[in-house]
Protein backbone atom coordinates (compact mmCIF):
# COMPACT_ATOMS: atom_id res chain seq x y z
CA MET A 1 -7.78 -32.08 3.44
CA ASP A 2 -8.88 -30.10 6.51
CA THR A 3 -11.08 -27.01 6.50
CA ALA A 4 -8.15 -24.58 6.42
CA ASP A 5 -6.57 -26.28 3.40
CA ARG A 6 -9.91 -26.42 1.56
CA ARG A 7 -10.46 -22.71 2.11
CA HIS A 8 -6.95 -21.94 0.93
CA THR A 9 -7.51 -23.99 -2.23
CA LEU A 10 -10.71 -22.06 -2.92
CA LEU A 11 -8.88 -18.77 -2.31
CA VAL A 12 -6.14 -19.60 -4.82
CA ASP A 13 -8.74 -20.78 -7.34
CA THR A 14 -10.48 -17.40 -6.96
CA LEU A 15 -7.21 -15.52 -7.56
CA VAL A 16 -6.59 -17.54 -10.72
CA ARG A 17 -10.11 -16.94 -12.05
CA ALA A 18 -9.82 -13.21 -11.32
CA GLY A 19 -6.57 -13.00 -13.27
CA ALA A 20 -4.51 -11.95 -10.25
CA LEU A 21 -2.45 -15.14 -10.63
CA ARG A 22 -1.30 -16.16 -14.11
CA ASP A 23 2.27 -17.50 -13.84
CA PRO A 24 2.05 -21.30 -13.29
CA ARG A 25 5.19 -21.27 -11.09
CA LEU A 26 3.75 -18.54 -8.84
CA THR A 27 0.40 -20.31 -8.74
CA ALA A 28 2.16 -23.48 -7.61
CA ALA A 29 3.91 -21.51 -4.86
CA PHE A 30 0.58 -20.11 -3.66
CA ARG A 31 -0.90 -23.60 -3.54
CA ALA A 32 2.12 -24.93 -1.64
CA VAL A 33 2.17 -22.16 1.01
CA PRO A 34 -1.18 -21.73 2.78
CA ARG A 35 -1.74 -18.26 4.22
CA HIS A 36 -3.12 -19.63 7.49
CA LEU A 37 0.32 -20.97 8.43
CA PHE A 38 1.52 -17.35 8.76
CA VAL A 39 -1.39 -15.65 10.54
CA PRO A 40 -1.09 -15.51 14.35
CA ALA A 41 -3.84 -17.35 16.24
CA ALA A 42 -4.61 -14.27 18.33
CA GLY A 43 -3.95 -10.53 18.31
CA VAL A 44 -5.16 -10.14 14.73
CA LEU A 45 -8.05 -8.05 13.43
CA THR A 46 -9.96 -8.02 10.17
CA ALA A 47 -9.71 -4.97 7.92
CA HIS A 48 -12.96 -3.82 9.60
CA GLY A 49 -11.48 -4.06 13.08
CA ILE A 50 -13.07 -7.35 14.21
CA GLU A 51 -10.87 -9.22 16.69
CA LEU A 52 -9.87 -12.73 15.65
CA ASP A 53 -8.95 -15.60 17.96
CA ALA A 54 -8.43 -19.08 16.57
CA ALA A 55 -8.78 -20.67 20.00
CA THR A 56 -12.24 -19.28 20.80
CA ALA A 57 -13.73 -18.67 17.34
CA ARG A 58 -11.77 -20.77 14.86
CA ASP A 59 -14.37 -20.66 12.09
CA ARG A 60 -14.38 -16.84 12.12
CA TRP A 61 -10.56 -16.87 12.11
CA LEU A 62 -10.47 -19.30 9.16
CA THR A 63 -13.04 -17.27 7.23
CA ALA A 64 -11.01 -14.08 7.67
CA VAL A 65 -7.72 -15.77 6.72
CA GLY A 66 -9.33 -17.31 3.64
CA THR A 67 -10.80 -13.99 2.50
CA ASP A 68 -9.14 -11.65 0.04
CA GLU A 69 -8.52 -8.87 2.57
CA ALA A 70 -5.51 -7.54 4.44
CA LEU A 71 -5.34 -8.38 8.13
CA LEU A 72 -4.30 -6.05 10.93
CA GLY A 73 -2.05 -6.78 13.88
CA ARG A 74 -1.21 -5.02 17.11
CA PHE A 75 2.55 -5.46 16.74
CA GLY A 76 4.22 -2.22 17.76
CA GLY A 77 1.08 -0.45 19.03
CA ALA A 78 -1.93 0.70 16.99
CA PRO A 79 -3.47 -1.83 14.57
CA SER A 80 -1.80 -1.78 11.17
CA PRO A 81 -1.62 -4.17 8.20
CA ILE A 82 0.67 -7.13 8.84
CA GLY A 83 0.62 -8.31 5.27
CA PRO A 84 -1.13 -7.67 1.97
CA ALA A 85 -4.46 -9.04 0.86
CA PRO A 86 -3.94 -12.23 -1.18
CA SER A 87 -4.85 -10.52 -4.48
CA ALA A 88 -2.41 -7.68 -3.69
CA ALA A 89 0.33 -10.23 -2.92
CA ALA A 90 -0.43 -12.06 -6.17
CA ARG A 91 -0.40 -8.89 -8.28
CA ALA A 92 2.85 -7.70 -6.69
CA LEU A 93 4.56 -11.01 -7.35
CA GLU A 94 3.21 -11.16 -10.90
CA ALA A 95 4.51 -7.61 -11.49
CA ALA A 96 7.91 -8.56 -10.09
CA ALA A 97 7.98 -11.61 -12.39
CA PRO A 98 10.71 -13.54 -10.52
CA HIS A 99 12.63 -15.93 -12.76
CA ASP A 100 14.92 -18.84 -11.97
CA GLY A 101 18.25 -17.50 -10.80
CA HIS A 102 16.88 -14.16 -9.60
CA ARG A 103 17.80 -12.79 -6.20
CA VAL A 104 15.11 -10.80 -4.38
CA LEU A 105 15.07 -8.28 -1.55
CA GLU A 106 11.74 -8.06 0.27
CA ALA A 107 11.37 -4.73 2.09
CA GLY A 108 9.06 -5.47 5.01
CA THR A 109 8.59 -9.07 6.12
CA GLY A 110 5.16 -8.77 7.76
CA THR A 111 3.81 -12.19 8.63
CA GLY A 112 6.37 -13.88 6.37
CA TRP A 113 3.79 -15.26 3.94
CA VAL A 114 5.08 -13.37 0.88
CA THR A 115 8.62 -14.25 1.99
CA ALA A 116 7.68 -17.93 1.93
CA LEU A 117 6.04 -17.58 -1.48
CA LEU A 118 9.24 -16.05 -2.86
CA ALA A 119 11.42 -18.69 -1.21
CA THR A 120 9.22 -21.46 -2.60
CA ARG A 121 9.49 -20.01 -6.09
CA LEU A 122 13.22 -19.17 -6.06
CA GLY A 123 14.80 -21.10 -3.19
CA ASP A 124 15.69 -19.93 0.31
CA GLY A 125 19.15 -18.71 -0.65
CA ALA A 126 17.75 -16.32 -3.26
CA VAL A 127 15.58 -14.35 -0.83
CA THR A 128 16.50 -11.69 1.73
CA THR A 129 13.76 -10.04 3.78
CA VAL A 130 14.11 -7.03 6.10
CA GLU A 131 11.69 -6.10 8.90
CA SER A 132 11.92 -3.25 11.42
CA ASP A 133 9.54 -4.64 14.06
CA PRO A 134 11.34 -7.21 16.27
CA ALA A 135 8.13 -8.90 17.43
CA LEU A 136 6.78 -9.20 13.92
CA LEU A 137 10.09 -10.56 12.65
CA THR A 138 10.28 -13.12 15.45
CA ALA A 139 6.78 -14.36 14.62
CA ALA A 140 7.60 -14.46 10.90
CA ARG A 141 10.79 -16.44 11.49
CA ALA A 142 8.86 -19.01 13.53
CA ALA A 143 6.19 -19.31 10.84
CA LEU A 144 8.82 -19.71 8.12
CA ALA A 145 10.48 -22.47 10.13
CA ARG A 146 7.14 -24.26 10.54
CA ALA A 147 6.72 -24.06 6.76
CA HIS A 148 10.25 -25.52 6.33
CA ARG A 149 11.59 -22.34 4.77
CA ALA A 150 14.82 -20.60 5.79
CA PRO A 151 15.47 -17.41 3.79
CA ALA A 152 17.65 -14.68 5.28
CA ALA A 153 15.35 -12.70 7.61
CA VAL A 154 17.08 -9.54 8.86
CA LEU A 155 16.11 -7.02 11.53
CA GLY A 156 16.60 -3.52 10.15
CA ASP A 157 15.04 -0.58 8.37
CA PRO A 158 13.39 -1.83 5.17
CA ALA A 159 13.99 1.57 3.55
CA CYS A 160 17.74 0.91 3.85
CA GLY A 161 17.49 -2.49 2.19
CA HIS A 162 20.30 -4.93 2.95
CA PRO A 163 23.48 -3.92 1.10
CA ALA A 164 25.47 -6.90 2.36
CA ALA A 165 23.58 -9.22 -0.01
CA ALA A 166 23.16 -6.77 -2.91
CA PRO A 167 22.75 -6.53 -5.83
CA TYR A 168 19.24 -7.91 -6.27
CA ASP A 169 17.32 -8.61 -9.44
CA ARG A 170 14.11 -7.54 -7.78
CA VAL A 171 13.21 -5.38 -4.80
CA LEU A 172 9.66 -6.00 -3.62
CA ALA A 173 7.60 -4.13 -1.03
CA THR A 174 3.94 -4.77 -0.20
CA ARG A 175 3.50 -1.85 2.21
CA PRO A 176 2.69 1.52 0.61
CA ALA A 177 5.51 4.06 0.51
CA ALA A 178 5.35 7.76 -0.33
CA ARG A 179 8.89 7.80 -1.68
CA VAL A 180 10.99 5.11 -3.33
CA PRO A 181 14.08 4.85 -1.11
CA ALA A 182 17.34 5.52 -2.93
CA ALA A 183 18.77 2.38 -1.33
CA TRP A 184 16.30 0.17 -3.18
CA ILE A 185 17.37 1.59 -6.53
CA ALA A 186 21.07 1.47 -5.64
CA GLN A 187 20.82 -2.16 -4.55
CA THR A 188 19.00 -3.28 -7.70
CA ALA A 189 21.14 -4.77 -10.45
CA PRO A 190 21.04 -2.99 -13.84
CA GLY A 191 18.08 -4.37 -15.74
CA GLY A 192 16.28 -5.24 -12.50
CA ALA A 193 13.07 -3.82 -11.11
CA VAL A 194 11.55 -2.33 -7.97
CA VAL A 195 7.89 -3.18 -7.26
CA LEU A 196 5.83 -1.46 -4.59
CA PRO A 197 2.45 0.11 -3.81
CA TRP A 198 3.20 3.83 -4.11
CA ALA A 199 1.14 6.45 -2.29
CA ALA A 200 1.89 10.17 -2.50
CA ALA A 201 -0.21 10.83 0.61
CA ASP A 202 -1.80 8.93 3.48
CA GLY A 203 -4.06 6.19 2.25
CA ARG A 204 -3.95 3.45 -0.34
CA GLY A 205 -0.97 2.72 -2.52
CA VAL A 206 -1.21 1.83 -6.21
CA LEU A 207 1.14 -0.86 -7.47
CA VAL A 208 3.97 0.30 -9.70
CA ARG A 209 6.86 -1.54 -11.34
CA LEU A 210 9.93 0.60 -11.82
CA ASP A 211 12.65 -0.60 -14.19
CA VAL A 212 16.19 0.20 -13.05
CA PRO A 213 18.71 0.83 -15.88
CA GLY A 214 21.69 1.20 -13.54
CA ASP A 215 22.21 4.97 -13.70
CA GLY A 216 20.57 5.74 -10.36
CA THR A 217 17.13 6.31 -11.86
CA ALA A 218 13.97 4.22 -12.00
CA ALA A 219 10.80 4.55 -14.07
CA GLY A 220 7.63 2.64 -14.79
CA ARG A 221 3.86 2.66 -14.98
CA PHE A 222 1.18 2.13 -12.37
CA LEU A 223 -0.96 -0.98 -12.61
CA ASP A 224 -4.71 -1.37 -12.43
CA GLY A 225 -7.10 -4.22 -11.79
CA PRO A 226 -7.71 -6.67 -8.91
CA GLY A 227 -5.17 -6.29 -6.13
CA ALA A 228 -3.40 -3.29 -7.68
CA VAL A 229 -4.49 -1.05 -4.81
CA SER A 230 -3.17 -1.80 -1.32
CA PRO A 231 -4.39 -0.37 1.99
CA GLY A 232 -2.18 2.14 3.70
CA GLY A 233 -0.12 1.62 6.82
CA ARG A 234 -3.18 2.45 8.87
CA ALA A 235 -6.85 3.06 8.33
CA MET A 236 -7.92 6.51 7.17
CA ALA A 237 -7.55 8.56 10.36
CA VAL A 238 -10.68 9.57 12.25
CA GLU A 239 -9.11 12.27 14.42
CA PRO A 240 -8.19 15.50 12.62
CA PRO A 241 -4.70 16.88 13.38
CA PHE A 242 -6.27 20.21 14.39
CA PRO A 243 -8.91 21.19 16.99
CA THR A 244 -12.36 20.26 15.68
CA ASP A 245 -13.69 23.62 16.95
CA ALA A 246 -10.87 25.66 15.36
CA TRP A 247 -12.05 29.05 14.06
CA ALA A 248 -12.37 29.08 10.26
CA ASP A 249 -10.93 31.86 8.11
CA GLU A 250 -13.27 31.00 5.22
CA THR A 251 -16.69 29.33 5.00
CA HIS A 252 -18.79 28.48 1.97
CA ARG A 253 -21.27 25.88 0.70
CA VAL A 254 -20.85 23.22 -1.98
CA THR A 255 -23.23 20.77 -3.65
CA GLY A 256 -22.55 17.16 -4.47
CA ASP A 257 -20.95 14.66 -2.09
CA PRO A 258 -17.32 15.62 -1.43
CA VAL A 259 -16.87 12.72 1.00
CA ALA A 260 -17.55 10.19 -1.75
CA ALA A 261 -15.20 12.03 -4.14
CA LEU A 262 -12.32 11.96 -1.65
CA THR A 263 -12.72 8.42 -0.35
CA ASP A 264 -12.90 6.79 -3.79
CA GLY A 265 -9.58 5.35 -4.89
CA ALA A 266 -10.01 6.32 -8.55
CA SER A 267 -10.00 10.04 -7.75
CA LEU A 268 -8.06 10.08 -4.47
CA PHE A 269 -4.96 8.55 -6.07
CA PRO A 270 -4.37 11.33 -8.64
CA LEU A 271 -5.40 14.03 -6.18
CA SER A 272 -2.76 12.73 -3.78
CA PHE A 273 0.03 13.96 -6.08
CA MET A 274 -1.76 16.74 -7.95
CA VAL A 275 -2.02 18.64 -4.64
CA PRO A 276 1.27 18.81 -2.68
CA SER A 277 1.75 17.92 0.96
CA TRP A 278 -1.72 17.17 2.28
CA ARG A 279 -3.66 14.54 4.18
CA VAL A 280 -7.31 13.54 4.33
CA GLY A 281 -9.48 11.61 6.76
CA THR A 282 -13.04 11.06 7.89
CA HIS A 283 -14.52 12.30 11.15
CA ARG A 284 -17.90 12.68 12.80
CA PHE A 285 -18.57 16.36 13.36
CA GLY A 286 -21.47 16.71 15.78
CA GLY A 287 -22.42 13.10 15.19
CA VAL A 288 -22.50 13.50 11.39
CA ARG A 289 -19.89 11.92 9.14
CA GLY A 290 -17.70 14.45 7.41
CA LEU A 291 -14.23 14.95 6.06
CA TRP A 292 -11.09 16.77 7.14
CA LEU A 293 -8.11 17.90 5.11
CA ALA A 294 -4.79 19.12 6.50
CA SER A 295 -1.41 20.16 5.18
CA HIS A 296 1.49 18.00 6.32
CA ASP A 297 2.76 20.79 8.54
CA GLY A 298 -0.68 21.15 10.13
CA ALA A 299 -0.83 24.89 9.47
CA SER A 300 -3.66 24.66 6.93
CA TRP A 301 -6.85 22.66 7.28
CA ALA A 302 -10.43 22.24 6.10
CA ARG A 303 -13.61 20.77 7.56
CA VAL A 304 -16.33 19.43 5.25
CA ARG A 305 -19.68 18.44 6.74
CA PRO A 306 -23.36 18.18 5.74
CA TYR A 307 -25.40 21.39 5.89
CA GLY A 308 -29.02 20.72 4.94
CA ASP A 309 -29.03 19.53 1.33
CA GLN A 310 -25.55 20.98 0.78
CA TRP A 311 -22.12 20.72 2.39
CA ALA A 312 -20.37 23.31 4.50
CA VAL A 313 -16.66 23.85 3.81
CA GLU A 314 -14.64 25.64 6.48
CA GLN A 315 -10.95 26.41 5.95
CA GLY A 316 -8.16 27.80 8.07
CA GLY A 317 -4.48 28.61 7.66
CA PRO A 318 -2.34 30.11 4.91
CA ARG A 319 -3.49 27.64 2.23
CA SER A 320 -7.10 27.36 1.05
CA LEU A 321 -6.68 23.61 1.07
CA TRP A 322 -10.18 22.64 -0.02
CA ASP A 323 -9.95 25.02 -2.98
CA GLU A 324 -6.66 23.41 -4.05
CA VAL A 325 -8.12 19.90 -3.85
CA ASP A 326 -11.34 20.89 -5.60
CA ALA A 327 -9.40 22.57 -8.43
CA ALA A 328 -7.28 19.43 -8.83
CA ARG A 329 -10.42 17.28 -8.94
CA GLU A 330 -11.82 19.50 -11.71
CA GLU A 331 -8.52 19.13 -13.61
CA TRP A 332 -8.74 15.35 -13.25
CA GLU A 333 -12.27 15.53 -14.65
CA ARG A 334 -11.05 17.64 -17.61
CA LEU A 335 -8.32 15.10 -18.30
CA GLY A 336 -10.99 12.44 -18.74
CA ARG A 337 -10.94 10.89 -15.24
CA PRO A 338 -7.82 8.82 -16.06
CA ARG A 339 -7.38 5.54 -14.23
CA PRO A 340 -4.13 4.77 -12.36
CA ASP A 341 -2.64 2.75 -15.22
CA ARG A 342 -2.49 5.86 -17.41
CA PHE A 343 0.04 7.40 -15.01
CA GLY A 344 3.74 6.66 -14.74
CA LEU A 345 6.38 7.42 -12.12
CA THR A 346 9.99 8.49 -12.64
CA VAL A 347 12.54 8.71 -9.83
CA THR A 348 15.63 10.73 -10.74
CA ALA A 349 19.16 10.08 -9.55
CA ASP A 350 18.84 12.93 -7.03
CA GLY A 351 15.65 11.45 -5.59
CA ARG A 352 13.01 13.64 -7.24
CA HIS A 353 9.67 11.94 -7.96
CA ARG A 354 7.71 12.93 -11.05
CA VAL A 355 4.31 11.54 -12.04
CA ARG A 356 3.29 11.84 -15.68
CA LEU A 357 0.09 11.14 -17.58
CA ASP A 358 0.38 9.00 -20.72
CA ALA A 359 3.27 10.18 -22.93
CA PRO A 360 6.50 11.50 -21.38
CA ASP A 361 5.67 14.98 -22.69
CA GLY A 362 2.12 14.89 -21.29
CA ALA A 363 0.79 16.46 -18.10
CA ALA A 364 3.18 15.94 -15.20
CA TRP A 365 3.44 16.66 -11.49
CA GLU A 366 6.66 16.81 -9.49
CA LEU A 367 6.47 15.97 -5.81
CA PRO A 368 8.12 18.18 -3.24
CA ALA A 369 11.34 16.85 -1.75
CA ALA A 370 10.88 14.44 1.15
CA THR A 371 11.19 16.03 4.58
């Protein structure tokens, strides 16, 4: 067994011990399909932005591939995740719970590793994968061929699914999405399920399994634990979508550390849907790390930066965006700081998304219609 195979064995053992992998058939698929077979030798970065090149620094490349982190690629421009972290892949597949005879649509091929895991578990003919990036799909097809797997790998918009092979017993996505596409629900057989990391705003998605009864709706609960949170399509942006020297309409001071509160997944996830249509990112204002908030239309914004032993909050535009987010954070605190698995998501037949806390008649938040 070479170094790459040993590291992969250790990685799978770690996933089993952590509880991310429990199904013996899925565990066998993970052992049979090493991740390193699907990671390009060059043009890949770690989640922290470190360039990897198997030809010049193989040990660093192997270490990164054998680590439980998502990897970034430069396919299609700016670095973005080309596949989930191993624990996220394991949790997504466990949540999907593929059984013998199931047919699966994978929305977003990435490197092809999850595709190969599905094909190993169910057979090539049971798996259809759709990818929008031609270069990424070409690389994935080559990797699948090297692994002696031949599922249907289609170039297209993952949000549209692949109706020609529908219906599917499971629709699986490992890239965060802010809305569950209607096509995924429509192409799922009654009694099937859609599994994806769902994110109401920019940032990390929390894994949810939505059961599909066949009436155009879907509903389910968010998951928690190792691998339940997936990184977004890109790192939290560092450049605000407004001039950093924009004149503020309001200025005041706050205590505590608002940066920590809005970069922690436990609080950021509920705030992402409790406040409508907003984004958040980090930025260095005058060399000091701070935070920016902006409405999706860019008309409202806030800057948050250190000011002595306090923080300065500056806001502009028609919405007092920081006040909205801070009020939502206080509401989350009053609700008992609920973890993601206390929330559920319902998608109606007309595409509305509603997040609820605990019981169906509990606190709920309806998202604005997609634009």
